[in-house]
Amino acid sequence: MRDQLEDAHQHRDDGYGRAQHRTNTDLPKRLYKGVAVAPVAGGFTVTLDGRVVKTPGKKIAVVVPVADIATTMAAEWSAQGGHVDPAGMPMVRLINSALESGEAMVPAFRDEVLKFAGNDALLYRAEGPQALVDDQEAIWDQALVALARHFGVRFQPTIGIIHQPQPAATLARLGDGLQEQGLLAMTAMVSITGLTGSGLLAIGLLHGLFTRDHVWTAAHVDEDHQIGFWGQDEEAAARRAVRRREFDTAADVLECLRN
């Protein structure tokens, strides 16, 4: 599961990171001056010089149900300089991705989060060194206990990497906790799951069981142990900062929808 995650991160860095390495001549010029948020049927939209923003691929009008999300997107559009750099627009990218995926993808998104939860990083513990074992127990056990109490389920953690199936009733209850979530929420959940490697942490964040800082810390127990041993790599730190910004954006979507 972690190998799959690292591969996903690499592809995301390849895609989102391209824009960061482009020169201005490779990026589209900013042709608009005014940016505003406007109420429309179904919610709120962002306008550029009075024109409703559309997604880049399918040209779908960008309408979101919450004003705060539209305001964040408008701020990203406003912050662009002489050229439009998608790397600096995480909310715009996330919402565009959701709208172009469409409502038909919501069940698949739920399945993806549950698939991670059933093989979650929190359930596979290291045999050593003892300092890492202690960190995993202290941070991950607390998360599992909170989830178990909230959903009335049990988990079966294991040591090593050999697959340990989780109780079917546990996965069913966790799935029930996702049933009421729509396209924007599930798109954010898939993003959080991919960025943290944990469907359980994503579900806990959705239900208000953890703060985003707790989730981020829990997702990086192994990595932080390695940093403590070997030191921080500058490029890895930069990639982690980009992922944190994307994580916070997805968490913002959940928070806006909840409020």
C-alpha atoms as a PDB file:
ATOM      1  CA  MET A   1       0.000   0.000   0.000  1.00  0.00           C
ATOM      2  CA  ARG A   2       2.801   2.434   0.835  1.00  0.00           C
ATOM      3  CA  ASP A   3       4.570   1.594  -2.436  1.00  0.00           C
ATOM      4  CA  GLN A   4       1.357   2.439  -4.288  1.00  0.00           C
ATOM      5  CA  LEU A   5       1.166   5.708  -2.365  1.00  0.00           C
ATOM      6  CA  GLU A   6       4.697   6.723  -3.224  1.00  0.00           C
ATOM      7  CA  ASP A   7       3.977   5.982  -6.856  1.00  0.00           C
ATOM      8  CA  ALA A   8       0.839   8.137  -6.649  1.00  0.00           C
ATOM      9  CA  HIS A   9       2.821  10.950  -5.036  1.00  0.00           C
ATOM     10  CA  GLN A  10       5.392  10.718  -7.804  1.00  0.00           C
ATOM     11  CA  HIS A  11       2.725  11.027 -10.479  1.00  0.00           C
ATOM     12  CA  ARG A  12       1.139  13.928  -8.641  1.00  0.00           C
ATOM     13  CA  ASP A  13       4.494  15.685  -8.384  1.00  0.00           C
ATOM     14  CA  ASP A  14       5.054  15.012 -12.074  1.00  0.00           C
ATOM     15  CA  GLY A  15       1.711  16.579 -12.904  1.00  0.00           C
ATOM     16  CA  TYR A  16       1.342  19.435 -10.445  1.00  0.00           C
ATOM     17  CA  GLY A  17       5.078  19.984 -10.234  1.00  0.00           C
ATOM     18  CA  ARG A  18       5.458  20.623 -13.926  1.00  0.00           C
ATOM     19  CA  ALA A  19       3.833  23.991 -13.532  1.00  0.00           C
ATOM     20  CA  GLN A  20       6.255  24.875 -10.743  1.00  0.00           C
ATOM     21  CA  HIS A  21       9.242  24.281 -13.009  1.00  0.00           C
ATOM     22  CA  ARG A  22       7.857  26.047 -16.048  1.00  0.00           C
ATOM     23  CA  THR A  23       9.113  29.436 -17.085  1.00  0.00           C
ATOM     24  CA  ASN A  24       6.572  32.190 -17.468  1.00  0.00           C
ATOM     25  CA  THR A  25       6.688  31.769 -21.245  1.00  0.00           C
ATOM     26  CA  ASP A  26       5.259  28.258 -20.815  1.00  0.00           C
ATOM     27  CA  LEU A  27       2.320  29.438 -18.706  1.00  0.00           C
ATOM     28  CA  PRO A  28      -0.807  31.154 -20.045  1.00  0.00           C
ATOM     29  CA  LYS A  29      -0.827  34.903 -19.661  1.00  0.00           C
ATOM     30  CA  ARG A  30      -3.252  36.491 -17.255  1.00  0.00           C
ATOM     31  CA  LEU A  31      -5.837  38.118 -19.505  1.00  0.00           C
ATOM     32  CA  TYR A  32      -8.320  39.173 -16.814  1.00  0.00           C
ATOM     33  CA  LYS A  33      -8.307  42.042 -14.335  1.00  0.00           C
ATOM     34  CA  GLY A  34     -11.347  41.726 -12.117  1.00  0.00           C
ATOM     35  CA  VAL A  35     -12.101  38.695  -9.939  1.00  0.00           C
ATOM     36  CA  ALA A  36     -15.354  38.354  -8.012  1.00  0.00           C
ATOM     37  CA  VAL A  37     -17.614  35.837  -6.266  1.00  0.00           C
ATOM     38  CA  ALA A  38     -21.199  35.788  -7.458  1.00  0.00           C
ATOM     39  CA  PRO A  39     -24.306  33.920  -6.263  1.00  0.00           C
ATOM     40  CA  VAL A  40     -25.867  31.739  -8.967  1.00  0.00           C
ATOM     41  CA  ALA A  41     -28.400  28.938  -9.165  1.00  0.00           C
ATOM     42  CA  GLY A  42     -27.028  26.072  -7.101  1.00  0.00           C
ATOM     43  CA  GLY A  43     -24.556  28.098  -5.084  1.00  0.00           C
ATOM     44  CA  PHE A  44     -21.661  30.416  -5.857  1.00  0.00           C
ATOM     45  CA  THR A  45     -19.227  30.939  -8.696  1.00  0.00           C
ATOM     46  CA  VAL A  46     -16.093  32.904  -9.492  1.00  0.00           C
ATOM     47  CA  THR A  47     -16.125  35.424 -12.312  1.00  0.00           C
ATOM     48  CA  LEU A  48     -13.186  36.840 -14.235  1.00  0.00           C
ATOM     49  CA  ASP A  49     -14.092  40.219 -15.693  1.00  0.00           C
ATOM     50  CA  GLY A  50     -17.719  39.229 -15.242  1.00  0.00           C
ATOM     51  CA  ARG A  51     -17.438  35.839 -16.966  1.00  0.00           C
ATOM     52  CA  VAL A  52     -18.108  32.630 -15.047  1.00  0.00           C
ATOM     53  CA  VAL A  53     -15.014  30.456 -14.648  1.00  0.00           C
ATOM     54  CA  LYS A  54     -15.171  27.036 -16.348  1.00  0.00           C
ATOM     55  CA  THR A  55     -13.136  23.879 -15.883  1.00  0.00           C
ATOM     56  CA  PRO A  56     -10.189  23.537 -18.285  1.00  0.00           C
ATOM     57  CA  GLY A  57     -11.150  20.191 -19.809  1.00  0.00           C
ATOM     58  CA  LYS A  58     -14.899  19.752 -20.108  1.00  0.00           C
ATOM     59  CA  LYS A  59     -15.653  23.485 -19.842  1.00  0.00           C
ATOM     60  CA  ILE A  60     -18.116  22.987 -16.978  1.00  0.00           C
ATOM     61  CA  ALA A  61     -19.253  26.140 -15.200  1.00  0.00           C
ATOM     62  CA  VAL A  62     -17.635  26.121 -11.756  1.00  0.00           C
ATOM     63  CA  VAL A  63     -20.423  26.321  -9.180  1.00  0.00           C
ATOM     64  CA  VAL A  64     -19.896  25.348  -5.550  1.00  0.00           C
ATOM     65  CA  PRO A  65     -22.475  25.135  -2.752  1.00  0.00           C
ATOM     66  CA  VAL A  66     -20.512  27.148  -0.179  1.00  0.00           C
ATOM     67  CA  ALA A  67     -19.424  30.772  -0.452  1.00  0.00           C
ATOM     68  CA  ASP A  68     -16.165  30.196   1.452  1.00  0.00           C
ATOM     69  CA  ILE A  69     -14.942  27.726  -1.172  1.00  0.00           C
ATOM     70  CA  ALA A  70     -15.697  30.194  -3.951  1.00  0.00           C
ATOM     71  CA  THR A  71     -13.939  32.938  -1.984  1.00  0.00           C
ATOM     72  CA  THR A  72     -10.815  30.805  -1.660  1.00  0.00           C
ATOM     73  CA  MET A  73     -10.826  30.094  -5.385  1.00  0.00           C
ATOM     74  CA  ALA A  74     -11.280  33.784  -6.129  1.00  0.00           C
ATOM     75  CA  ALA A  75      -8.289  34.597  -3.920  1.00  0.00           C
ATOM     76  CA  GLU A  76      -6.166  32.117  -5.875  1.00  0.00           C
ATOM     77  CA  TRP A  77      -7.211  33.682  -9.184  1.00  0.00           C
ATOM     78  CA  SER A  78      -6.510  37.156  -7.802  1.00  0.00           C
ATOM     79  CA  ALA A  79      -3.063  36.142  -6.554  1.00  0.00           C
ATOM     80  CA  GLN A  80      -1.848  35.233 -10.044  1.00  0.00           C
ATOM     81  CA  GLY A  81       0.706  37.598 -11.524  1.00  0.00           C
ATOM     82  CA  GLY A  82       1.346  38.176 -15.191  1.00  0.00           C
ATOM     83  CA  HIS A  83       0.839  34.465 -15.887  1.00  0.00           C
ATOM     84  CA  VAL A  84      -1.571  31.864 -14.495  1.00  0.00           C
ATOM     85  CA  ASP A  85       0.271  29.111 -12.636  1.00  0.00           C
ATOM     86  CA  PRO A  86      -1.935  26.144 -11.643  1.00  0.00           C
ATOM     87  CA  ALA A  87       0.654  25.089  -9.043  1.00  0.00           C
ATOM     88  CA  GLY A  88      -0.388  28.073  -6.952  1.00  0.00           C
ATOM     89  CA  MET A  89      -4.108  27.264  -7.150  1.00  0.00           C
ATOM     90  CA  PRO A  90      -4.753  24.108  -5.104  1.00  0.00           C
ATOM     91  CA  MET A  91      -8.430  24.857  -4.417  1.00  0.00           C
ATOM     92  CA  VAL A  92      -9.121  25.635  -8.056  1.00  0.00           C
ATOM     93  CA  ARG A  93      -7.436  22.377  -9.106  1.00  0.00           C
ATOM     94  CA  LEU A  94      -9.312  20.298  -6.538  1.00  0.00           C
ATOM     95  CA  ILE A  95     -12.731  21.714  -7.429  1.00  0.00           C
ATOM     96  CA  ASN A  96     -12.048  21.413 -11.163  1.00  0.00           C
ATOM     97  CA  SER A  97     -11.062  17.786 -10.634  1.00  0.00           C
ATOM     98  CA  ALA A  98     -14.282  17.104  -8.728  1.00  0.00           C
ATOM     99  CA  LEU A  99     -16.547  18.725 -11.313  1.00  0.00           C
ATOM    100  CA  GLU A 100     -14.876  17.016 -14.246  1.00  0.00           C
ATOM    101  CA  SER A 101     -15.085  13.642 -12.470  1.00  0.00           C
ATOM    102  CA  GLY A 102     -18.843  14.054 -12.026  1.00  0.00           C
ATOM    103  CA  GLU A 103     -21.378  12.652  -9.586  1.00  0.00           C
ATOM    104  CA  ALA A 104     -21.165   9.217 -11.196  1.00  0.00           C
ATOM    105  CA  MET A 105     -17.704   8.786  -9.638  1.00  0.00           C
ATOM    106  CA  VAL A 106     -18.856   9.248  -6.027  1.00  0.00           C
ATOM    107  CA  PRO A 107     -19.387   5.498  -5.348  1.00  0.00           C
ATOM    108  CA  ALA A 108     -15.933   4.750  -6.764  1.00  0.00           C
ATOM    109  CA  PHE A 109     -14.420   7.428  -4.533  1.00  0.00           C
ATOM    110  CA  ARG A 110     -16.100   5.883  -1.474  1.00  0.00           C
ATOM    111  CA  ASP A 111     -14.765   2.470  -2.471  1.00  0.00           C
ATOM    112  CA  GLU A 112     -11.262   3.901  -2.844  1.00  0.00           C
ATOM    113  CA  VAL A 113     -11.259   5.377   0.657  1.00  0.00           C
ATOM    114  CA  LEU A 114     -12.617   2.122   2.133  1.00  0.00           C
ATOM    115  CA  LYS A 115     -10.046   0.096   0.217  1.00  0.00           C
ATOM    116  CA  PHE A 116      -7.286   2.091   1.886  1.00  0.00           C
ATOM    117  CA  ALA A 117      -9.020   1.802   5.262  1.00  0.00           C
ATOM    118  CA  GLY A 118      -9.122  -1.981   4.964  1.00  0.00           C
ATOM    119  CA  ASN A 119      -5.367  -2.103   4.329  1.00  0.00           C
ATOM    120  CA  ASP A 120      -4.501   0.978   6.301  1.00  0.00           C
ATOM    121  CA  ALA A 121      -0.989   2.051   7.203  1.00  0.00           C
ATOM    122  CA  LEU A 122      -2.146   2.423  10.821  1.00  0.00           C
ATOM    123  CA  LEU A 123      -2.868  -1.314  10.960  1.00  0.00           C
ATOM    124  CA  TYR A 124       0.600  -2.513   9.898  1.00  0.00           C
ATOM    125  CA  ARG A 125       3.209  -2.021  12.576  1.00  0.00           C
ATOM    126  CA  ALA A 126       6.993  -2.150  12.449  1.00  0.00           C
ATOM    127  CA  GLU A 127       8.917  -4.899  14.217  1.00  0.00           C
ATOM    128  CA  GLY A 128      11.634  -2.394  15.117  1.00  0.00           C
ATOM    129  CA  PRO A 129      13.490  -0.292  16.006  1.00  0.00           C
ATOM    130  CA  GLN A 130      11.844   0.178  19.371  1.00  0.00           C
ATOM    131  CA  ALA A 131      11.658   3.974  19.096  1.00  0.00           C
ATOM    132  CA  LEU A 132       9.555   3.635  15.930  1.00  0.00           C
ATOM    133  CA  VAL A 133       7.400   0.929  17.508  1.00  0.00           C
ATOM    134  CA  ASP A 134       6.764   3.213  20.478  1.00  0.00           C
ATOM    135  CA  ASP A 135       5.838   6.172  18.247  1.00  0.00           C
ATOM    136  CA  GLN A 136       3.436   4.049  16.190  1.00  0.00           C
ATOM    137  CA  GLU A 137       1.765   2.703  19.313  1.00  0.00           C
ATOM    138  CA  ALA A 138       1.440   6.099  20.956  1.00  0.00           C
ATOM    139  CA  ILE A 139       0.014   7.933  17.948  1.00  0.00           C
ATOM    140  CA  TRP A 140      -1.713   5.254  15.881  1.00  0.00           C
ATOM    141  CA  ASP A 141      -3.341   3.394  18.771  1.00  0.00           C
ATOM    142  CA  GLN A 142      -4.938   6.638  19.929  1.00  0.00           C
ATOM    143  CA  ALA A 143      -6.425   7.140  16.464  1.00  0.00           C
ATOM    144  CA  LEU A 144      -7.734   3.569  16.272  1.00  0.00           C
ATOM    145  CA  VAL A 145      -9.339   3.841  19.713  1.00  0.00           C
ATOM    146  CA  ALA A 146     -11.123   7.060  18.726  1.00  0.00           C
ATOM    147  CA  LEU A 147     -12.455   5.467  15.548  1.00  0.00           C
ATOM    148  CA  ALA A 148     -13.458   2.253  17.319  1.00  0.00           C
ATOM    149  CA  ARG A 149     -15.445   4.146  19.940  1.00  0.00           C
ATOM    150  CA  HIS A 150     -17.108   6.487  17.455  1.00  0.00           C
ATOM    151  CA  PHE A 151     -18.228   3.772  15.036  1.00  0.00           C
ATOM    152  CA  GLY A 152     -18.604   0.908  17.524  1.00  0.00           C
ATOM    153  CA  VAL A 153     -16.129  -1.289  15.643  1.00  0.00           C
ATOM    154  CA  ARG A 154     -12.920  -3.195  16.260  1.00  0.00           C
ATOM    155  CA  PHE A 155      -9.658  -3.359  14.333  1.00  0.00           C
ATOM    156  CA  GLN A 156      -7.037  -6.061  14.004  1.00  0.00           C
ATOM    157  CA  PRO A 157      -3.578  -4.471  13.717  1.00  0.00           C
ATOM    158  CA  THR A 158      -0.659  -6.698  12.818  1.00  0.00           C
ATOM    159  CA  ILE A 159       3.129  -6.614  12.883  1.00  0.00           C
ATOM    160  CA  GLY A 160       4.833  -6.758   9.505  1.00  0.00           C
ATOM    161  CA  ILE A 161       3.433  -6.487   5.992  1.00  0.00           C
ATOM    162  CA  ILE A 162       1.478  -9.724   5.604  1.00  0.00           C
ATOM    163  CA  HIS A 163      -2.133  -8.888   4.763  1.00  0.00           C
ATOM    164  CA  GLN A 164      -4.469  -8.932   7.751  1.00  0.00           C
ATOM    165  CA  PRO A 165      -8.167  -8.732   6.759  1.00  0.00           C
ATOM    166  CA  GLN A 166     -10.277  -6.411   8.868  1.00  0.00           C
ATOM    167  CA  PRO A 167     -13.708  -7.505  10.124  1.00  0.00           C
ATOM    168  CA  ALA A 168     -16.398  -7.113   7.461  1.00  0.00           C
ATOM    169  CA  ALA A 169     -18.659  -5.421  10.015  1.00  0.00           C
ATOM    170  CA  THR A 170     -15.977  -2.815  10.664  1.00  0.00           C
ATOM    171  CA  LEU A 171     -15.646  -1.925   6.994  1.00  0.00           C
ATOM    172  CA  ALA A 172     -19.427  -1.836   6.618  1.00  0.00           C
ATOM    173  CA  ARG A 173     -19.788   0.639   9.490  1.00  0.00           C
ATOM    174  CA  LEU A 174     -17.006   2.821   8.111  1.00  0.00           C
ATOM    175  CA  GLY A 175     -18.708   2.715   4.725  1.00  0.00           C
ATOM    176  CA  ASP A 176     -21.954   3.857   6.312  1.00  0.00           C
ATOM    177  CA  GLY A 177     -20.075   6.885   7.569  1.00  0.00           C
ATOM    178  CA  LEU A 178     -19.390   7.930   3.977  1.00  0.00           C
ATOM    179  CA  GLN A 179     -22.827   7.392   2.488  1.00  0.00           C
ATOM    180  CA  GLU A 180     -24.109  10.934   2.957  1.00  0.00           C
ATOM    181  CA  GLN A 181     -21.055  12.562   1.411  1.00  0.00           C
ATOM    182  CA  GLY A 182     -21.361  14.115  -2.043  1.00  0.00           C
ATOM    183  CA  LEU A 183     -18.970  14.833  -4.886  1.00  0.00           C
ATOM    184  CA  LEU A 184     -16.910  17.640  -3.363  1.00  0.00           C
ATOM    185  CA  ALA A 185     -16.536  15.917  -0.008  1.00  0.00           C
ATOM    186  CA  MET A 186     -15.539  12.592  -1.547  1.00  0.00           C
ATOM    187  CA  THR A 187     -13.075  14.239  -3.911  1.00  0.00           C
ATOM    188  CA  ALA A 188     -11.481  15.886  -0.879  1.00  0.00           C
ATOM    189  CA  MET A 189     -11.518  12.548   0.964  1.00  0.00           C
ATOM    190  CA  VAL A 190      -9.720  10.773  -1.871  1.00  0.00           C
ATOM    191  CA  SER A 191      -7.112  13.532  -1.887  1.00  0.00           C
ATOM    192  CA  ILE A 192      -6.589  13.300   1.880  1.00  0.00           C
ATOM    193  CA  THR A 193      -6.413   9.517   1.724  1.00  0.00           C
ATOM    194  CA  GLY A 194      -3.796   9.615  -1.009  1.00  0.00           C
ATOM    195  CA  LEU A 195      -1.728  12.303   0.686  1.00  0.00           C
ATOM    196  CA  THR A 196      -1.725  10.556   4.082  1.00  0.00           C
ATOM    197  CA  GLY A 197      -1.811   6.926   2.983  1.00  0.00           C
ATOM    198  CA  SER A 198      -4.694   6.359   5.361  1.00  0.00           C
ATOM    199  CA  GLY A 199      -8.393   5.995   4.748  1.00  0.00           C
ATOM    200  CA  LEU A 200      -8.880   5.731   8.505  1.00  0.00           C
ATOM    201  CA  LEU A 201      -7.299   9.109   9.175  1.00  0.00           C
ATOM    202  CA  ALA A 202      -9.372  10.652   6.391  1.00  0.00           C
ATOM    203  CA  ILE A 203     -12.585   9.207   7.836  1.00  0.00           C
ATOM    204  CA  GLY A 204     -11.643  10.389  11.300  1.00  0.00           C
ATOM    205  CA  LEU A 205     -10.989  13.897  10.012  1.00  0.00           C
ATOM    206  CA  LEU A 206     -14.321  13.914   8.181  1.00  0.00           C
ATOM    207  CA  HIS A 207     -16.174  13.031  11.388  1.00  0.00           C
ATOM    208  CA  GLY A 208     -14.291  15.537  13.525  1.00  0.00           C
ATOM    209  CA  LEU A 209     -12.421  12.904  15.544  1.00  0.00           C
ATOM    210  CA  PHE A 210      -8.997  14.382  14.764  1.00  0.00           C
ATOM    211  CA  THR A 211      -7.602  17.796  13.979  1.00  0.00           C
ATOM    212  CA  ARG A 212      -5.775  18.205  10.699  1.00  0.00           C
ATOM    213  CA  ASP A 213      -2.461  18.576  12.564  1.00  0.00           C
ATOM    214  CA  HIS A 214      -3.070  15.271  14.358  1.00  0.00           C
ATOM    215  CA  VAL A 215      -3.809  13.601  11.023  1.00  0.00           C
ATOM    216  CA  TRP A 216      -0.681  15.013   9.415  1.00  0.00           C
ATOM    217  CA  THR A 217       1.493  13.934  12.339  1.00  0.00           C
ATOM    218  CA  ALA A 218       0.014  10.431  12.354  1.00  0.00           C
ATOM    219  CA  ALA A 219       0.541  10.122   8.602  1.00  0.00           C
ATOM    220  CA  HIS A 220       4.252  10.882   8.945  1.00  0.00           C
ATOM    221  CA  VAL A 221       5.286   8.795  11.940  1.00  0.00           C
ATOM    222  CA  ASP A 222       7.538   6.576   9.827  1.00  0.00           C
ATOM    223  CA  GLU A 223       8.936   9.462   7.789  1.00  0.00           C
ATOM    224  CA  ASP A 224       9.608  11.582  10.862  1.00  0.00           C
ATOM    225  CA  HIS A 225      11.428   8.678  12.480  1.00  0.00           C
ATOM    226  CA  GLN A 226      13.718   8.477   9.453  1.00  0.00           C
ATOM    227  CA  ILE A 227      14.260  12.240   9.524  1.00  0.00           C
ATOM    228  CA  GLY A 228      15.219  12.025  13.179  1.00  0.00           C
ATOM    229  CA  PHE A 229      17.760   9.349  12.318  1.00  0.00           C
ATOM    230  CA  TRP A 230      19.162  10.560   8.986  1.00  0.00           C
ATOM    231  CA  GLY A 231      18.256  14.241   8.955  1.00  0.00           C
ATOM    232  CA  GLN A 232      16.003  16.286   6.679  1.00  0.00           C
ATOM    233  CA  ASP A 233      16.479  16.268   2.909  1.00  0.00           C
ATOM    234  CA  GLU A 234      15.824  19.673   1.362  1.00  0.00           C
ATOM    235  CA  GLU A 235      14.001  18.404  -1.728  1.00  0.00           C
ATOM    236  CA  ALA A 236      11.920  15.971   0.317  1.00  0.00           C
ATOM    237  CA  ALA A 237      11.004  18.804   2.680  1.00  0.00           C
ATOM    238  CA  ALA A 238       9.883  20.936  -0.267  1.00  0.00           C
ATOM    239  CA  ARG A 239       7.715  18.113  -1.636  1.00  0.00           C
ATOM    240  CA  ARG A 240       6.221  17.569   1.807  1.00  0.00           C
ATOM    241  CA  ALA A 241       5.365  21.275   2.056  1.00  0.00           C
ATOM    242  CA  VAL A 242       3.532  21.074  -1.280  1.00  0.00           C
ATOM    243  CA  ARG A 243       1.621  18.001  -0.102  1.00  0.00           C
ATOM    244  CA  ARG A 244       0.717  19.762   3.144  1.00  0.00           C
ATOM    245  CA  ARG A 245      -0.760  22.648   1.198  1.00  0.00           C
ATOM    246  CA  GLU A 246      -2.839  20.230  -0.872  1.00  0.00           C
ATOM    247  CA  PHE A 247      -3.878  18.397   2.305  1.00  0.00           C
ATOM    248  CA  ASP A 248      -4.954  21.639   3.979  1.00  0.00           C
ATOM    249  CA  THR A 249      -6.944  22.579   0.879  1.00  0.00           C
ATOM    250  CA  ALA A 250      -8.854  19.296   0.951  1.00  0.00           C
ATOM    251  CA  ALA A 251      -9.376  19.654   4.713  1.00  0.00           C
ATOM    252  CA  ASP A 252     -10.700  23.186   4.106  1.00  0.00           C
ATOM    253  CA  VAL A 253     -13.291  21.770   1.705  1.00  0.00           C
ATOM    254  CA  LEU A 254     -14.524  19.303   4.341  1.00  0.00           C
ATOM    255  CA  GLU A 255     -14.635  22.039   6.961  1.00  0.00           C
ATOM    256  CA  CYS A 256     -16.526  24.452   4.694  1.00  0.00           C
ATOM    257  CA  LEU A 257     -19.083  21.790   3.772  1.00  0.00           C
ATOM    258  CA  ARG A 258     -19.510  20.781   7.428  1.00  0.00           C
ATOM    259  CA  ASN A 259     -20.053  24.362   8.537  1.00  0.00           C
END
